[in-house]
């Protein structure tokens, strides 16, 4: 991450990273040199405020990586495992990464992280290159398998898309009523409301009414509910937001 608040206390960090603005192909092209080995990017920025790139962004990044013979590395820690209505967010763009990182939803609450790679890239990483005391432990793997089976067998990807569309439509209706909402954006059940005011007070007042949300970047309310959220639950969220935003 390029955010200093997350880097604090963990220095010295691995050197060699160049940060460029998200969704800016020209800036990315300009940053690539003969020493560049890969591009690491989130399909949708999570902590950055649920920023959804242009439709062709990932496809163009893939072409750029191929042209320069460098790796495309996707961070799907937040977007992966159904969050956007596809098992992996990159599927929306029709491209495939060389390396992908996963965590969070992979174990449905049980701590699991994973790194996936194409066969070609995986051959460069052999047993003994990296040791892990608890890597691949049976309980963690059982949790991951059960999570994936449940999502796929119970049709939760379709549910996520349907509920996400409904959630955004209701937020946009609220936007027409509450002018402090500047923008509604997202994909699947990874949704955000951009505000015209600081969102900290909104978060605290929602919590008093039993609704847990968070605010990123000072003015962005972020919603990442369970994939099994019902339409009735979404209506309740909207009602609470409406009450809290009244008079703001």
C-alpha atoms as a PDB file:
ATOM      1  CA  UNK A   1       0.000   0.000   0.000  1.00  0.00           C
ATOM      2  CA  UNK A   2       1.054   3.556  -0.625  1.00  0.00           C
ATOM      3  CA  UNK A   3      -0.760   4.811   2.478  1.00  0.00           C
ATOM      4  CA  UNK A   4       1.720   5.895   5.135  1.00  0.00           C
ATOM      5  CA  UNK A   5      -0.671   5.087   8.004  1.00  0.00           C
ATOM      6  CA  UNK A   6      -0.412   1.392   7.101  1.00  0.00           C
ATOM      7  CA  UNK A   7       3.357   1.537   6.585  1.00  0.00           C
ATOM      8  CA  UNK A   8       4.033   3.146   9.965  1.00  0.00           C
ATOM      9  CA  UNK A   9       5.838   0.801  12.354  1.00  0.00           C
ATOM     10  CA  UNK A  10       6.763  -1.716   9.660  1.00  0.00           C
ATOM     11  CA  UNK A  11       9.807  -0.048   8.144  1.00  0.00           C
ATOM     12  CA  UNK A  12      12.169  -0.751   6.541  1.00  0.00           C
ATOM     13  CA  UNK A  13       9.884  -1.878   3.724  1.00  0.00           C
ATOM     14  CA  UNK A  14      10.882  -3.756   0.598  1.00  0.00           C
ATOM     15  CA  UNK A  15      12.355  -1.262  -1.845  1.00  0.00           C
ATOM     16  CA  UNK A  16      11.725  -0.903  -5.546  1.00  0.00           C
ATOM     17  CA  UNK A  17       8.047   0.083  -5.691  1.00  0.00           C
ATOM     18  CA  UNK A  18       6.842   3.080  -7.698  1.00  0.00           C
ATOM     19  CA  UNK A  19       3.333   4.365  -6.958  1.00  0.00           C
ATOM     20  CA  UNK A  20       1.161   5.729  -9.756  1.00  0.00           C
ATOM     21  CA  UNK A  21      -2.409   7.111  -9.723  1.00  0.00           C
ATOM     22  CA  UNK A  22      -5.118   4.471 -10.010  1.00  0.00           C
ATOM     23  CA  UNK A  23      -7.011   4.264 -13.313  1.00  0.00           C
ATOM     24  CA  UNK A  24      -4.369   6.353 -15.105  1.00  0.00           C
ATOM     25  CA  UNK A  25      -2.909   4.388 -18.020  1.00  0.00           C
ATOM     26  CA  UNK A  26      -0.618   7.201 -19.149  1.00  0.00           C
ATOM     27  CA  UNK A  27       0.942   7.503 -15.693  1.00  0.00           C
ATOM     28  CA  UNK A  28       1.447   3.745 -15.562  1.00  0.00           C
ATOM     29  CA  UNK A  29       3.097   3.638 -18.991  1.00  0.00           C
ATOM     30  CA  UNK A  30       5.397   6.493 -18.012  1.00  0.00           C
ATOM     31  CA  UNK A  31       6.470   4.706 -14.820  1.00  0.00           C
ATOM     32  CA  UNK A  32       7.558   1.482 -16.557  1.00  0.00           C
ATOM     33  CA  UNK A  33      11.320   1.197 -17.148  1.00  0.00           C
ATOM     34  CA  UNK A  34      13.711  -1.531 -18.265  1.00  0.00           C
ATOM     35  CA  UNK A  35      13.988  -2.527 -14.592  1.00  0.00           C
ATOM     36  CA  UNK A  36      10.231  -2.981 -14.065  1.00  0.00           C
ATOM     37  CA  UNK A  37       9.307  -6.617 -13.391  1.00  0.00           C
ATOM     38  CA  UNK A  38       5.582  -6.298 -12.748  1.00  0.00           C
ATOM     39  CA  UNK A  39       2.493  -4.209 -12.097  1.00  0.00           C
ATOM     40  CA  UNK A  40       0.590  -4.798  -8.854  1.00  0.00           C
ATOM     41  CA  UNK A  41      -2.958  -3.441  -8.719  1.00  0.00           C
ATOM     42  CA  UNK A  42      -6.379  -3.940  -7.144  1.00  0.00           C
ATOM     43  CA  UNK A  43      -9.192  -4.525  -9.682  1.00  0.00           C
ATOM     44  CA  UNK A  44     -11.244  -2.170  -7.505  1.00  0.00           C
ATOM     45  CA  UNK A  45      -9.595  -0.103  -4.800  1.00  0.00           C
ATOM     46  CA  UNK A  46     -10.851  -1.110  -1.359  1.00  0.00           C
ATOM     47  CA  UNK A  47      -9.225   1.014   1.341  1.00  0.00           C
ATOM     48  CA  UNK A  48      -8.871   3.745  -1.262  1.00  0.00           C
ATOM     49  CA  UNK A  49     -12.658   4.180  -1.266  1.00  0.00           C
ATOM     50  CA  UNK A  50     -14.211   1.524  -3.529  1.00  0.00           C
ATOM     51  CA  UNK A  51     -12.871   3.185  -6.656  1.00  0.00           C
ATOM     52  CA  UNK A  52     -14.052   1.350  -9.769  1.00  0.00           C
ATOM     53  CA  UNK A  53     -11.761   1.903 -12.782  1.00  0.00           C
ATOM     54  CA  UNK A  54     -12.827   2.505 -16.370  1.00  0.00           C
ATOM     55  CA  UNK A  55     -14.258  -0.565 -18.102  1.00  0.00           C
ATOM     56  CA  UNK A  56     -11.165  -1.089 -20.264  1.00  0.00           C
ATOM     57  CA  UNK A  57      -8.582  -0.321 -17.564  1.00  0.00           C
ATOM     58  CA  UNK A  58      -7.505  -3.839 -16.585  1.00  0.00           C
ATOM     59  CA  UNK A  59      -7.556  -5.015 -20.192  1.00  0.00           C
ATOM     60  CA  UNK A  60      -5.222  -2.180 -21.167  1.00  0.00           C
ATOM     61  CA  UNK A  61      -2.958  -2.872 -18.176  1.00  0.00           C
ATOM     62  CA  UNK A  62      -2.780  -6.514 -19.298  1.00  0.00           C
ATOM     63  CA  UNK A  63      -1.781  -5.426 -22.820  1.00  0.00           C
ATOM     64  CA  UNK A  64       0.821  -3.073 -21.372  1.00  0.00           C
ATOM     65  CA  UNK A  65       2.331  -5.844 -19.269  1.00  0.00           C
ATOM     66  CA  UNK A  66       2.451  -8.182 -22.260  1.00  0.00           C
ATOM     67  CA  UNK A  67       4.055  -5.496 -24.409  1.00  0.00           C
ATOM     68  CA  UNK A  68       6.811  -4.909 -21.850  1.00  0.00           C
ATOM     69  CA  UNK A  69       7.095  -8.607 -20.896  1.00  0.00           C
ATOM     70  CA  UNK A  70       6.320  -7.949 -17.231  1.00  0.00           C
ATOM     71  CA  UNK A  71       3.950  -9.615 -14.768  1.00  0.00           C
ATOM     72  CA  UNK A  72       0.412  -8.538 -13.934  1.00  0.00           C
ATOM     73  CA  UNK A  73      -0.147  -9.100 -10.206  1.00  0.00           C
ATOM     74  CA  UNK A  74      -3.677  -8.606  -8.893  1.00  0.00           C
ATOM     75  CA  UNK A  75      -4.496  -7.955  -5.244  1.00  0.00           C
ATOM     76  CA  UNK A  76      -7.910  -9.592  -4.836  1.00  0.00           C
ATOM     77  CA  UNK A  77      -7.804  -9.703  -1.038  1.00  0.00           C
ATOM     78  CA  UNK A  78     -10.954  -7.553  -0.873  1.00  0.00           C
ATOM     79  CA  UNK A  79     -12.499  -8.120  -4.297  1.00  0.00           C
ATOM     80  CA  UNK A  80     -12.032 -11.888  -4.504  1.00  0.00           C
ATOM     81  CA  UNK A  81     -14.314 -14.789  -3.525  1.00  0.00           C
ATOM     82  CA  UNK A  82     -17.561 -13.388  -4.883  1.00  0.00           C
ATOM     83  CA  UNK A  83     -17.526  -9.859  -3.501  1.00  0.00           C
ATOM     84  CA  UNK A  84     -18.137  -8.218  -6.895  1.00  0.00           C
ATOM     85  CA  UNK A  85     -20.592 -10.798  -8.260  1.00  0.00           C
ATOM     86  CA  UNK A  86     -17.886 -12.908  -9.901  1.00  0.00           C
ATOM     87  CA  UNK A  87     -15.633 -15.354  -8.069  1.00  0.00           C
ATOM     88  CA  UNK A  88     -12.728 -13.047  -8.927  1.00  0.00           C
ATOM     89  CA  UNK A  89     -13.103  -9.403  -9.945  1.00  0.00           C
ATOM     90  CA  UNK A  90     -10.740  -9.756 -12.896  1.00  0.00           C
ATOM     91  CA  UNK A  91     -13.380 -11.902 -14.615  1.00  0.00           C
ATOM     92  CA  UNK A  92     -15.425  -8.763 -15.315  1.00  0.00           C
ATOM     93  CA  UNK A  93     -12.663  -7.507 -17.625  1.00  0.00           C
ATOM     94  CA  UNK A  94     -11.922 -10.775 -19.416  1.00  0.00           C
ATOM     95  CA  UNK A  95      -8.221 -10.751 -18.535  1.00  0.00           C
ATOM     96  CA  UNK A  96      -6.129 -13.124 -16.448  1.00  0.00           C
ATOM     97  CA  UNK A  97      -3.335 -12.160 -14.061  1.00  0.00           C
ATOM     98  CA  UNK A  98       0.039 -13.876 -13.776  1.00  0.00           C
ATOM     99  CA  UNK A  99      -0.154 -13.791  -9.973  1.00  0.00           C
ATOM    100  CA  UNK A 100      -3.114 -13.167  -7.656  1.00  0.00           C
ATOM    101  CA  UNK A 101      -3.338 -12.753  -3.894  1.00  0.00           C
ATOM    102  CA  UNK A 102      -6.391 -13.790  -1.847  1.00  0.00           C
ATOM    103  CA  UNK A 103      -7.439 -13.654   1.822  1.00  0.00           C
ATOM    104  CA  UNK A 104     -10.334 -12.262   3.904  1.00  0.00           C
ATOM    105  CA  UNK A 105     -13.427 -14.060   2.525  1.00  0.00           C
ATOM    106  CA  UNK A 106     -11.428 -17.125   1.471  1.00  0.00           C
ATOM    107  CA  UNK A 107     -11.877 -18.674   4.927  1.00  0.00           C
ATOM    108  CA  UNK A 108     -15.220 -16.990   5.761  1.00  0.00           C
ATOM    109  CA  UNK A 109     -13.785 -15.620   8.996  1.00  0.00           C
ATOM    110  CA  UNK A 110     -11.068 -18.215   9.524  1.00  0.00           C
ATOM    111  CA  UNK A 111      -7.604 -16.738   8.807  1.00  0.00           C
ATOM    112  CA  UNK A 112      -6.516 -17.933   5.368  1.00  0.00           C
ATOM    113  CA  UNK A 113      -4.328 -16.292   2.762  1.00  0.00           C
ATOM    114  CA  UNK A 114      -3.254 -17.561  -0.626  1.00  0.00           C
ATOM    115  CA  UNK A 115      -1.091 -16.671  -3.580  1.00  0.00           C
ATOM    116  CA  UNK A 116      -2.085 -18.129  -6.950  1.00  0.00           C
ATOM    117  CA  UNK A 117      -0.063 -18.111 -10.156  1.00  0.00           C
ATOM    118  CA  UNK A 118      -0.097 -19.435 -13.691  1.00  0.00           C
ATOM    119  CA  UNK A 119       1.773 -22.681 -14.330  1.00  0.00           C
ATOM    120  CA  UNK A 120       4.581 -20.774 -16.040  1.00  0.00           C
ATOM    121  CA  UNK A 121       5.131 -18.436 -13.094  1.00  0.00           C
ATOM    122  CA  UNK A 122       4.621 -21.164 -10.480  1.00  0.00           C
ATOM    123  CA  UNK A 123       7.552 -23.138 -11.909  1.00  0.00           C
ATOM    124  CA  UNK A 124       9.876 -20.367 -10.712  1.00  0.00           C
ATOM    125  CA  UNK A 125       8.754 -20.950  -7.110  1.00  0.00           C
ATOM    126  CA  UNK A 126       9.814 -24.382  -5.877  1.00  0.00           C
ATOM    127  CA  UNK A 127       9.633 -26.149  -2.476  1.00  0.00           C
ATOM    128  CA  UNK A 128      12.159 -24.613  -0.135  1.00  0.00           C
ATOM    129  CA  UNK A 129      11.995 -21.106  -1.614  1.00  0.00           C
ATOM    130  CA  UNK A 130       9.641 -19.990   1.141  1.00  0.00           C
ATOM    131  CA  UNK A 131       8.891 -21.800   4.404  1.00  0.00           C
ATOM    132  CA  UNK A 132       5.647 -21.522   6.384  1.00  0.00           C
ATOM    133  CA  UNK A 133       5.015 -23.179   9.733  1.00  0.00           C
ATOM    134  CA  UNK A 134       1.232 -23.236   9.365  1.00  0.00           C
ATOM    135  CA  UNK A 135       0.867 -22.930   5.594  1.00  0.00           C
ATOM    136  CA  UNK A 136      -1.696 -25.317   4.159  1.00  0.00           C
ATOM    137  CA  UNK A 137      -2.842 -26.577   7.554  1.00  0.00           C
ATOM    138  CA  UNK A 138      -5.860 -28.931   7.318  1.00  0.00           C
ATOM    139  CA  UNK A 139      -8.324 -26.784   9.291  1.00  0.00           C
ATOM    140  CA  UNK A 140      -7.643 -23.672   7.216  1.00  0.00           C
ATOM    141  CA  UNK A 141      -7.920 -25.627   3.980  1.00  0.00           C
ATOM    142  CA  UNK A 142     -11.191 -27.236   5.105  1.00  0.00           C
ATOM    143  CA  UNK A 143     -12.602 -23.772   5.861  1.00  0.00           C
ATOM    144  CA  UNK A 144     -11.550 -22.481   2.437  1.00  0.00           C
ATOM    145  CA  UNK A 145     -13.017 -25.487   0.609  1.00  0.00           C
ATOM    146  CA  UNK A 146     -16.307 -25.215   2.534  1.00  0.00           C
ATOM    147  CA  UNK A 147     -16.512 -21.494   1.760  1.00  0.00           C
ATOM    148  CA  UNK A 148     -15.969 -21.988  -1.963  1.00  0.00           C
ATOM    149  CA  UNK A 149     -18.401 -24.905  -2.145  1.00  0.00           C
ATOM    150  CA  UNK A 150     -21.109 -22.899  -0.376  1.00  0.00           C
ATOM    151  CA  UNK A 151     -20.686 -19.833  -2.595  1.00  0.00           C
ATOM    152  CA  UNK A 152     -20.724 -21.854  -5.811  1.00  0.00           C
ATOM    153  CA  UNK A 153     -23.330 -24.483  -4.933  1.00  0.00           C
ATOM    154  CA  UNK A 154     -25.822 -22.059  -3.374  1.00  0.00           C
ATOM    155  CA  UNK A 155     -25.660 -19.564  -6.239  1.00  0.00           C
ATOM    156  CA  UNK A 156     -24.338 -16.724  -4.109  1.00  0.00           C
ATOM    157  CA  UNK A 157     -22.608 -15.060  -7.060  1.00  0.00           C
ATOM    158  CA  UNK A 158     -26.005 -14.439  -8.657  1.00  0.00           C
ATOM    159  CA  UNK A 159     -27.393 -13.317  -5.298  1.00  0.00           C
ATOM    160  CA  UNK A 160     -24.499 -10.887  -4.907  1.00  0.00           C
ATOM    161  CA  UNK A 161     -25.140  -9.304  -8.299  1.00  0.00           C
ATOM    162  CA  UNK A 162     -28.889  -9.010  -7.685  1.00  0.00           C
ATOM    163  CA  UNK A 163     -28.561  -7.629  -4.154  1.00  0.00           C
ATOM    164  CA  UNK A 164     -25.783  -5.286  -5.246  1.00  0.00           C
ATOM    165  CA  UNK A 165     -27.944  -3.795  -7.990  1.00  0.00           C
ATOM    166  CA  UNK A 166     -30.817  -3.377  -5.537  1.00  0.00           C
ATOM    167  CA  UNK A 167     -28.561  -1.837  -2.880  1.00  0.00           C
ATOM    168  CA  UNK A 168     -27.146   0.707  -5.323  1.00  0.00           C
ATOM    169  CA  UNK A 169     -30.603   1.570  -6.671  1.00  0.00           C
ATOM    170  CA  UNK A 170     -31.871   2.260  -3.143  1.00  0.00           C
ATOM    171  CA  UNK A 171     -28.813   4.337  -2.296  1.00  0.00           C
ATOM    172  CA  UNK A 172     -29.349   6.402  -5.449  1.00  0.00           C
ATOM    173  CA  UNK A 173     -32.954   7.010  -4.405  1.00  0.00           C
ATOM    174  CA  UNK A 174     -31.642   8.159  -1.033  1.00  0.00           C
ATOM    175  CA  UNK A 175     -29.125  10.375  -2.844  1.00  0.00           C
ATOM    176  CA  UNK A 176     -31.969  12.260  -4.536  1.00  0.00           C
ATOM    177  CA  UNK A 177     -33.379  12.939  -1.070  1.00  0.00           C
ATOM    178  CA  UNK A 178     -30.223  13.567   0.960  1.00  0.00           C
ATOM    179  CA  UNK A 179     -27.939  16.055  -0.747  1.00  0.00           C
ATOM    180  CA  UNK A 180     -24.918  15.171   1.376  1.00  0.00           C
ATOM    181  CA  UNK A 181     -24.552  12.070  -0.827  1.00  0.00           C
ATOM    182  CA  UNK A 182     -22.330  13.129  -3.708  1.00  0.00           C
ATOM    183  CA  UNK A 183     -21.954   9.801  -5.508  1.00  0.00           C
ATOM    184  CA  UNK A 184     -22.915   6.117  -5.335  1.00  0.00           C
ATOM    185  CA  UNK A 185     -20.462   3.652  -6.857  1.00  0.00           C
ATOM    186  CA  UNK A 186     -19.388   0.046  -6.644  1.00  0.00           C
ATOM    187  CA  UNK A 187     -19.761  -3.420  -8.068  1.00  0.00           C
ATOM    188  CA  UNK A 188     -21.661  -6.366  -6.640  1.00  0.00           C
ATOM    189  CA  UNK A 189     -21.746  -5.994  -2.860  1.00  0.00           C
ATOM    190  CA  UNK A 190     -18.698  -3.742  -2.708  1.00  0.00           C
ATOM    191  CA  UNK A 191     -20.373  -0.339  -2.600  1.00  0.00           C
ATOM    192  CA  UNK A 192     -19.559   3.198  -1.517  1.00  0.00           C
ATOM    193  CA  UNK A 193     -21.261   6.540  -0.992  1.00  0.00           C
ATOM    194  CA  UNK A 194     -19.139   9.602  -1.597  1.00  0.00           C
ATOM    195  CA  UNK A 195     -20.207  12.415   0.744  1.00  0.00           C
ATOM    196  CA  UNK A 196     -19.977  16.195   0.712  1.00  0.00           C
ATOM    197  CA  UNK A 197     -19.107  16.164   4.428  1.00  0.00           C
ATOM    198  CA  UNK A 198     -16.821  14.184   6.731  1.00  0.00           C
ATOM    199  CA  UNK A 199     -18.343  10.755   7.345  1.00  0.00           C
ATOM    200  CA  UNK A 200     -17.103   9.978  10.852  1.00  0.00           C
ATOM    201  CA  UNK A 201     -20.212  11.324  12.578  1.00  0.00           C
ATOM    202  CA  UNK A 202     -22.463   9.359  10.203  1.00  0.00           C
ATOM    203  CA  UNK A 203     -20.610   6.141  11.065  1.00  0.00           C
ATOM    204  CA  UNK A 204     -20.927   6.753  14.810  1.00  0.00           C
ATOM    205  CA  UNK A 205     -24.640   7.576  14.657  1.00  0.00           C
ATOM    206  CA  UNK A 206     -25.326   4.520  12.501  1.00  0.00           C
ATOM    207  CA  UNK A 207     -23.532   2.347  15.050  1.00  0.00           C
ATOM    208  CA  UNK A 208     -25.841   3.648  17.792  1.00  0.00           C
ATOM    209  CA  UNK A 209     -28.760   2.394  15.700  1.00  0.00           C
ATOM    210  CA  UNK A 210     -27.205  -1.039  15.149  1.00  0.00           C
ATOM    211  CA  UNK A 211     -25.674  -0.476  11.705  1.00  0.00           C
ATOM    212  CA  UNK A 212     -21.935  -1.085  11.337  1.00  0.00           C
ATOM    213  CA  UNK A 213     -20.293   0.655   8.377  1.00  0.00           C
ATOM    214  CA  UNK A 214     -16.967   2.415   7.976  1.00  0.00           C
ATOM    215  CA  UNK A 215     -15.593   5.559   6.414  1.00  0.00           C
ATOM    216  CA  UNK A 216     -12.510   5.591   4.195  1.00  0.00           C
ATOM    217  CA  UNK A 217     -10.646   8.651   3.032  1.00  0.00           C
ATOM    218  CA  UNK A 218     -12.677  10.886   5.327  1.00  0.00           C
ATOM    219  CA  UNK A 219     -15.719  11.285   3.056  1.00  0.00           C
ATOM    220  CA  UNK A 220     -16.540   7.813   1.722  1.00  0.00           C
ATOM    221  CA  UNK A 221     -19.005   5.452   3.402  1.00  0.00           C
ATOM    222  CA  UNK A 222     -18.161   1.854   2.507  1.00  0.00           C
ATOM    223  CA  UNK A 223     -20.627  -1.046   2.459  1.00  0.00           C
ATOM    224  CA  UNK A 224     -19.348  -4.627   2.196  1.00  0.00           C
ATOM    225  CA  UNK A 225     -22.195  -6.728   3.674  1.00  0.00           C
ATOM    226  CA  UNK A 226     -22.417 -10.544   3.728  1.00  0.00           C
ATOM    227  CA  UNK A 227     -23.234 -12.074   0.349  1.00  0.00           C
ATOM    228  CA  UNK A 228     -26.388 -13.524   1.935  1.00  0.00           C
ATOM    229  CA  UNK A 229     -27.828 -10.110   2.846  1.00  0.00           C
ATOM    230  CA  UNK A 230     -31.566  -9.929   2.142  1.00  0.00           C
ATOM    231  CA  UNK A 231     -33.544  -7.158   0.447  1.00  0.00           C
ATOM    232  CA  UNK A 232     -35.212  -6.535   3.819  1.00  0.00           C
ATOM    233  CA  UNK A 233     -31.803  -6.033   5.435  1.00  0.00           C
ATOM    234  CA  UNK A 234     -30.871  -3.556   2.712  1.00  0.00           C
ATOM    235  CA  UNK A 235     -34.117  -1.655   3.279  1.00  0.00           C
ATOM    236  CA  UNK A 236     -33.260  -1.438   6.972  1.00  0.00           C
ATOM    237  CA  UNK A 237     -29.808  -0.060   6.128  1.00  0.00           C
ATOM    238  CA  UNK A 238     -31.372   2.597   3.906  1.00  0.00           C
ATOM    239  CA  UNK A 239     -33.895   3.574   6.598  1.00  0.00           C
ATOM    240  CA  UNK A 240     -31.157   3.997   9.200  1.00  0.00           C
ATOM    241  CA  UNK A 241     -29.026   6.064   6.815  1.00  0.00           C
ATOM    242  CA  UNK A 242     -32.044   8.212   6.011  1.00  0.00           C
ATOM    243  CA  UNK A 243     -32.683   8.885   9.704  1.00  0.00           C
ATOM    244  CA  UNK A 244     -29.036   9.652  10.438  1.00  0.00           C
ATOM    245  CA  UNK A 245     -28.612  11.951   7.432  1.00  0.00           C
ATOM    246  CA  UNK A 246     -31.720  13.997   8.149  1.00  0.00           C
ATOM    247  CA  UNK A 247     -30.722  17.575   8.768  1.00  0.00           C
ATOM    248  CA  UNK A 248     -27.116  17.050   7.700  1.00  0.00           C
END
